[in-house]
């Protein structure tokens, strides 16, 4: 019968397909079993060498050195003993400042400054009547003035070759030893150039001042100056 034949053919085909599928699956499982065993047997086992050192550099910690003042030895200071020095008193003789009177007579010859020492000669009694502002004469003081600095007068120009000329200049010496004033005097026309030269020089003189009872005072004095021309 045709219907039964078709049904049988379908069943046979289904059985064949199932059988074929089973064979294929069985072959695949068998292949996996064989290849898996072979792979596991052929895997090279690496020897265990331990940790591998990649570099010889070692990061060592830096040691910090700390210094303190306790590390520096401090020398011990010895106690200073205060020594008392005895007072020494020297008995020195006091110099006598009273000097003998000298007639300082200078002779200008050339241009220059000459420091001289000595005393002006005593002013006469008529000098006391001159306007002196309370100045004393040399006869009234205990210590006469002494010259410290005395530039020489210049010989008057145009009068060289003349004979010896002498003039006297009356001066007022203050308590500091300076020539405070030159008192006017009558001088002849012949001596006037010499007097002016002496007056100009003496105004710059310096003295140790006169003293009365240990105190410096003003005093009057006559200072002679001689002019001698020498070639």
Protein backbone atom coordinates (compact mmCIF):
# COMPACT_ATOMS: atom_id res chain seq x y z
CA UNK A 1 0.00 0.00 0.00
CA UNK A 2 1.40 3.36 -0.84
CA UNK A 3 0.59 5.11 2.46
CA UNK A 4 2.22 2.47 4.55
CA UNK A 5 5.33 2.59 2.43
CA UNK A 6 5.72 6.31 2.95
CA UNK A 7 5.36 5.96 6.66
CA UNK A 8 7.96 3.24 6.80
CA UNK A 9 10.33 5.30 4.76
CA UNK A 10 9.98 8.21 7.15
CA UNK A 11 10.72 6.04 10.16
CA UNK A 12 13.73 4.51 8.49
CA UNK A 13 15.06 7.94 7.59
CA UNK A 14 14.60 9.15 11.16
CA UNK A 15 16.43 6.12 12.54
CA UNK A 16 19.26 6.61 10.08
CA UNK A 17 19.58 10.30 10.97
CA UNK A 18 19.60 9.53 14.69
CA UNK A 19 22.22 6.85 14.18
CA UNK A 20 24.36 9.13 12.09
CA UNK A 21 24.05 11.91 14.65
CA UNK A 22 25.08 9.54 17.43
CA UNK A 23 28.08 8.39 15.46
CA UNK A 24 29.15 11.98 14.83
CA UNK A 25 28.79 12.95 18.48
CA UNK A 26 30.68 9.84 19.54
CA UNK A 27 33.51 10.67 17.15
CA UNK A 28 33.73 14.23 18.42
CA UNK A 29 33.89 13.11 22.05
CA UNK A 30 36.54 10.55 21.18
CA UNK A 31 38.56 13.17 19.32
CA UNK A 32 38.39 15.56 22.25
CA UNK A 33 39.50 12.82 24.58
CA UNK A 34 42.46 11.89 22.40
CA UNK A 35 43.64 15.45 21.65
CA UNK A 36 43.19 16.62 25.22
CA UNK A 37 45.35 13.80 26.54
CA UNK A 38 48.02 14.47 23.93
CA UNK A 39 48.13 18.22 24.69
CA UNK A 40 48.43 17.59 28.37
CA UNK A 41 51.32 15.23 27.73
CA UNK A 42 53.16 17.63 25.42
CA UNK A 43 52.98 20.76 27.62
CA UNK A 44 56.54 21.70 28.68
CA UNK A 45 56.78 22.17 32.36
CA UNK A 46 58.98 25.20 33.18
CA UNK A 47 61.40 24.64 36.06
CA UNK A 48 60.74 26.65 39.18
CA UNK A 49 63.71 29.08 39.31
CA UNK A 50 62.31 31.21 42.06
CA UNK A 51 62.09 35.01 41.96
CA UNK A 52 64.11 36.67 39.22
CA UNK A 53 66.19 39.73 40.32
CA UNK A 54 65.71 42.39 37.66
CA UNK A 55 68.16 44.99 39.05
CA UNK A 56 70.96 45.26 41.58
CA UNK A 57 69.82 48.73 42.75
CA UNK A 58 68.59 48.77 46.26
CA UNK A 59 66.76 51.75 47.63
CA UNK A 60 68.62 52.18 50.91
CA UNK A 61 67.26 54.59 53.46
CA UNK A 62 69.36 57.75 54.02
CA UNK A 63 70.74 58.06 57.47
CA UNK A 64 70.12 61.52 58.88
CA UNK A 65 72.81 62.92 61.16
CA UNK A 66 71.53 65.22 63.82
CA UNK A 67 73.93 67.54 65.65
CA UNK A 68 73.11 69.25 68.86
CA UNK A 69 74.97 71.70 71.05
CA UNK A 70 75.52 68.88 73.48
CA UNK A 71 77.96 67.29 71.03
CA UNK A 72 80.31 70.35 71.18
CA UNK A 73 82.52 70.43 74.24
CA UNK A 74 82.34 73.77 76.01
CA UNK A 75 85.45 74.73 77.99
CA UNK A 76 84.82 75.65 81.51
CA UNK A 77 85.69 79.24 82.40
CA UNK A 78 87.81 79.78 85.42
CA UNK A 79 86.59 82.18 88.02
CA UNK A 80 88.24 85.58 87.69
CA UNK A 81 89.58 86.91 90.89
CA UNK A 82 89.34 90.66 91.22
CA UNK A 83 92.66 92.15 92.20
CA UNK A 84 92.72 95.45 93.96
CA UNK A 85 95.61 97.64 92.90
CA UNK A 86 97.07 99.82 95.60
CA UNK A 87 96.96 103.53 94.98
CA UNK A 88 100.36 104.98 94.24
CA UNK A 89 100.91 108.59 95.07
CA UNK A 90 103.94 110.29 93.62
CA UNK A 91 105.21 113.32 95.40
CA UNK A 92 106.55 115.38 92.52
CA UNK A 93 108.08 118.75 93.18
CA UNK A 94 106.01 121.55 91.69
CA UNK A 95 108.00 123.47 89.09
CA UNK A 96 108.64 127.11 89.78
CA UNK A 97 107.13 129.08 86.91
CA UNK A 98 108.59 132.37 87.97
CA UNK A 99 111.21 133.30 85.43
CA UNK A 100 113.69 136.09 85.42
CA UNK A 101 112.86 139.05 83.22
CA UNK A 102 114.62 139.25 79.87
CA UNK A 103 114.91 142.04 77.38
CA UNK A 104 113.85 140.37 74.14
CA UNK A 105 115.62 142.32 71.45
CA UNK A 106 115.20 140.69 68.06
CA UNK A 107 117.05 141.64 64.92
CA UNK A 108 115.04 141.14 61.71
CA UNK A 109 117.29 140.30 58.79
CA UNK A 110 115.19 138.32 56.32
CA UNK A 111 111.68 137.10 55.74
CA UNK A 112 110.66 134.26 58.04
CA UNK A 113 109.02 133.15 61.28
CA UNK A 114 111.28 132.57 64.25
CA UNK A 115 109.85 131.15 67.54
CA UNK A 116 111.53 132.98 70.42
CA UNK A 117 111.44 132.61 74.19
CA UNK A 118 111.93 135.36 76.74
CA UNK A 119 110.17 138.29 78.35
CA UNK A 120 109.25 141.77 77.14
CA UNK A 121 110.84 144.48 79.20
CA UNK A 122 108.75 146.24 81.84
CA UNK A 123 106.51 149.08 80.74
CA UNK A 124 107.27 152.41 82.43
CA UNK A 125 104.96 154.03 84.96
CA UNK A 126 103.36 156.21 82.29
CA UNK A 127 101.83 153.15 80.66
CA UNK A 128 99.49 152.66 83.60
CA UNK A 129 97.63 155.81 82.61
CA UNK A 130 96.91 154.46 79.12
CA UNK A 131 93.47 152.97 78.36
CA UNK A 132 94.14 149.38 79.39
CA UNK A 133 90.78 148.03 80.69
CA UNK A 134 92.14 147.18 84.13
CA UNK A 135 95.46 145.75 82.89
CA UNK A 136 98.45 145.60 85.23
CA UNK A 137 102.03 146.60 84.54
CA UNK A 138 104.77 144.00 84.66
CA UNK A 139 105.85 145.36 88.03
CA UNK A 140 102.43 144.53 89.50
CA UNK A 141 102.19 140.87 88.46
CA UNK A 142 103.66 137.78 90.10
CA UNK A 143 104.54 136.07 86.83
CA UNK A 144 105.60 137.99 83.74
CA UNK A 145 104.47 136.97 80.24
CA UNK A 146 106.70 134.61 78.29
CA UNK A 147 106.90 134.55 74.50
CA UNK A 148 105.73 131.27 72.93
CA UNK A 149 105.55 132.28 69.28
CA UNK A 150 107.16 135.35 67.72
CA UNK A 151 107.38 135.80 63.94
CA UNK A 152 110.15 138.19 62.97
CA UNK A 153 109.25 141.54 61.37
CA UNK A 154 110.12 142.14 57.75
CA UNK A 155 112.78 144.70 57.02
CA UNK A 156 111.02 147.76 55.50
CA UNK A 157 111.24 147.80 51.73
CA UNK A 158 113.36 150.64 50.38
CA UNK A 159 115.23 151.16 53.66
CA UNK A 160 117.79 148.43 53.40
CA UNK A 161 121.34 149.58 53.92
CA UNK A 162 120.34 152.02 56.63
CA UNK A 163 121.96 152.10 60.02
CA UNK A 164 120.61 150.17 62.97
CA UNK A 165 117.09 151.24 63.89
CA UNK A 166 115.26 150.48 67.15
CA UNK A 167 111.59 150.94 67.97
CA UNK A 168 109.46 150.04 70.99
CA UNK A 169 105.91 148.73 70.68
CA UNK A 170 103.58 148.93 73.69
CA UNK A 171 101.20 145.96 73.79
CA UNK A 172 98.26 144.79 75.88
CA UNK A 173 98.42 141.03 76.54
CA UNK A 174 95.13 139.46 77.61
CA UNK A 175 94.62 136.60 80.04
CA UNK A 176 94.76 134.09 77.15
CA UNK A 177 98.24 135.18 76.06
CA UNK A 178 97.10 136.96 72.88
CA UNK A 179 98.07 140.50 71.90
CA UNK A 180 94.72 142.15 72.42
CA UNK A 181 95.76 145.66 71.49
CA UNK A 182 98.77 147.69 70.37
CA UNK A 183 98.72 151.06 72.09
CA UNK A 184 99.53 154.07 69.90
CA UNK A 185 102.80 155.91 70.49
CA UNK A 186 104.53 158.91 69.00
CA UNK A 187 107.04 157.83 66.37
CA UNK A 188 109.18 160.00 64.09
CA UNK A 189 108.71 159.87 60.36
CA UNK A 190 112.11 158.23 60.02
CA UNK A 191 111.17 155.35 62.33
CA UNK A 192 107.56 155.01 61.21
CA UNK A 193 108.23 152.31 58.52
CA UNK A 194 110.14 150.26 61.11
CA UNK A 195 107.44 150.76 63.71
CA UNK A 196 104.73 149.58 61.27
CA UNK A 197 106.77 146.47 60.43
CA UNK A 198 107.30 145.67 64.12
CA UNK A 199 103.64 146.38 64.92
CA UNK A 200 102.43 143.98 62.21
CA UNK A 201 104.67 141.14 63.40
CA UNK A 202 104.05 141.59 67.15
CA UNK A 203 100.27 141.54 66.66
CA UNK A 204 100.64 137.82 65.79
CA UNK A 205 102.77 136.94 68.81
CA UNK A 206 101.57 134.50 71.49
CA UNK A 207 102.55 134.53 75.17
CA UNK A 208 102.12 132.66 78.39
CA UNK A 209 99.87 135.19 80.16
CA UNK A 210 100.78 137.24 83.21
CA UNK A 211 99.59 135.88 86.56
CA UNK A 212 98.57 137.56 89.77
CA UNK A 213 97.98 135.31 92.81
CA UNK A 214 97.90 132.30 90.49
CA UNK A 215 95.27 133.79 88.15
CA UNK A 216 95.92 134.89 84.57
CA UNK A 217 95.44 138.65 84.14
CA UNK A 218 95.85 141.31 81.49
CA UNK A 219 99.11 143.22 81.50
CA UNK A 220 100.96 146.01 79.68
CA UNK A 221 104.45 145.57 78.27
CA UNK A 222 106.93 147.46 76.08
CA UNK A 223 108.55 145.28 73.42
CA UNK A 224 111.75 146.65 71.79
CA UNK A 225 112.67 145.61 68.23
CA UNK A 226 116.02 146.35 66.56
CA UNK A 227 116.40 146.46 62.77
CA UNK A 228 119.87 145.72 61.36
CA UNK A 229 120.33 145.12 57.67
CA UNK A 230 122.83 142.42 56.85
CA UNK A 231 123.81 141.46 53.33
